[in-house]
Amino acid sequence: MDEMNLEHIEHLLCQSLNGLHLLWDHTNIAQILRVPTEDIDFFNPPNMDKLQDLFHQLIDKKTFNEKQLFLQSLDQESYEMLLRAYFHILDNTALMATPYRH
């Protein structure tokens, strides 16, 4: 992973915090996130290993188009896992950035 690729992911996360989910298909987001992560056995050790690998592969893509092509090449299970992980990171980032919680 190089610094430029990490900055690119950070930029995409910042855009997502503003509601612009550039990497992801909005229909897929709605369909996948309709089922809460808590309702499925998502954060188990085998999934975490696979997620780490998938996320590193995504980060290693140098351009936005390469990232999109990578996502399009994934099987449904891998795509869903990566999308859920991305939005989990996004949620945690938003919570940490907000001083007020209710």
Protein backbone atom coordinates (compact mmCIF):
# COMPACT_ATOMS: atom_id res chain seq x y z
CA MET A 1 0.00 0.00 0.00
CA ASP A 2 1.36 3.35 -0.84
CA GLU A 3 0.49 6.74 0.62
CA MET A 4 -1.32 7.94 -2.51
CA ASN A 5 -3.70 4.96 -2.51
CA LEU A 6 -4.53 5.53 1.18
CA GLU A 7 -5.21 9.20 0.49
CA HIS A 8 -7.53 8.20 -2.33
CA ILE A 9 -9.54 5.92 0.00
CA GLU A 10 -9.64 8.70 2.61
CA HIS A 11 -11.00 11.06 -0.03
CA LEU A 12 -13.70 8.54 -0.98
CA LEU A 13 -14.62 8.11 2.69
CA CYS A 14 -14.88 11.91 3.08
CA GLN A 15 -17.18 12.04 0.07
CA SER A 16 -19.26 9.23 1.56
CA LEU A 17 -19.56 11.16 4.84
CA ASN A 18 -21.25 13.83 2.72
CA GLY A 19 -23.62 11.28 1.22
CA LEU A 20 -21.77 10.78 -2.05
CA HIS A 21 -21.03 7.07 -2.24
CA LEU A 22 -19.03 7.22 -5.45
CA LEU A 23 -17.69 3.65 -5.51
CA TRP A 24 -20.95 1.89 -4.77
CA ASP A 25 -24.15 1.32 -6.67
CA HIS A 26 -26.96 2.94 -4.68
CA THR A 27 -29.40 0.11 -5.40
CA ASN A 28 -26.88 -2.40 -4.04
CA ILE A 29 -26.29 -0.25 -0.95
CA ALA A 30 -30.00 -0.17 -0.15
CA GLN A 31 -30.52 -3.85 -0.83
CA ILE A 32 -27.50 -5.08 1.14
CA LEU A 33 -27.83 -2.74 4.11
CA ARG A 34 -31.53 -3.52 4.43
CA VAL A 35 -30.45 -6.51 6.54
CA PRO A 36 -28.57 -5.21 9.61
CA THR A 37 -25.11 -6.64 10.17
CA GLU A 38 -26.19 -7.65 13.66
CA ASP A 39 -28.76 -10.03 12.13
CA ILE A 40 -26.10 -12.08 10.34
CA ASP A 41 -22.86 -13.71 11.48
CA PHE A 42 -20.72 -11.12 9.75
CA PHE A 43 -17.78 -10.25 12.00
CA ASN A 44 -16.42 -13.77 12.51
CA PRO A 45 -12.72 -14.68 12.14
CA PRO A 46 -12.92 -16.23 8.63
CA ASN A 47 -14.86 -13.20 7.35
CA MET A 48 -12.39 -10.80 8.94
CA ASP A 49 -9.46 -12.47 7.17
CA LYS A 50 -11.26 -12.32 3.84
CA LEU A 51 -12.34 -8.71 4.45
CA GLN A 52 -8.82 -7.63 5.24
CA ASP A 53 -7.60 -9.17 2.00
CA LEU A 54 -10.42 -7.61 -0.04
CA PHE A 55 -9.91 -4.18 1.50
CA HIS A 56 -6.17 -4.30 0.82
CA GLN A 57 -6.87 -5.25 -2.79
CA LEU A 58 -9.27 -2.31 -3.10
CA ILE A 59 -6.77 0.12 -1.58
CA ASP A 60 -4.00 -1.17 -3.86
CA LYS A 61 -5.93 -0.10 -6.97
CA LYS A 62 -4.37 3.14 -8.16
CA THR A 63 -7.27 4.85 -9.90
CA PHE A 64 -10.96 5.30 -9.27
CA ASN A 65 -11.73 3.29 -12.43
CA GLU A 66 -9.50 0.42 -11.26
CA LYS A 67 -11.34 0.41 -7.93
CA GLN A 68 -14.72 0.30 -9.71
CA LEU A 69 -13.57 -2.51 -12.00
CA PHE A 70 -12.30 -4.44 -9.00
CA LEU A 71 -15.68 -4.09 -7.25
CA GLN A 72 -17.49 -5.18 -10.41
CA SER A 73 -15.26 -8.26 -10.67
CA LEU A 74 -16.19 -9.52 -7.19
CA ASP A 75 -18.66 -12.31 -6.59
CA GLN A 76 -21.85 -11.25 -4.75
CA GLU A 77 -20.65 -12.48 -1.34
CA SER A 78 -17.32 -10.65 -1.55
CA TYR A 79 -18.98 -7.47 -2.82
CA GLU A 80 -21.46 -7.55 0.05
CA MET A 81 -18.73 -8.17 2.60
CA LEU A 82 -16.64 -5.30 1.31
CA LEU A 83 -19.61 -2.93 1.11
CA ARG A 84 -20.63 -3.77 4.69
CA ALA A 85 -17.07 -3.27 5.92
CA TYR A 86 -16.79 0.05 4.08
CA PHE A 87 -20.01 1.34 5.61
CA HIS A 88 -18.99 0.04 9.04
CA ILE A 89 -15.79 2.09 8.75
CA LEU A 90 -17.84 5.04 7.51
CA ASP A 91 -20.27 4.80 10.44
CA ASN A 92 -17.45 4.64 12.97
CA THR A 93 -15.70 7.58 11.32
CA ALA A 94 -18.91 9.63 11.46
CA LEU A 95 -19.46 8.74 15.13
CA MET A 96 -15.92 9.70 16.06
CA ALA A 97 -16.19 13.02 14.22
CA THR A 98 -19.43 13.99 15.96
CA PRO A 99 -19.02 15.46 19.43
CA TYR A 100 -22.74 15.15 20.18
CA ARG A 101 -24.44 11.80 20.50
CA HIS A 102 -27.95 11.04 21.56
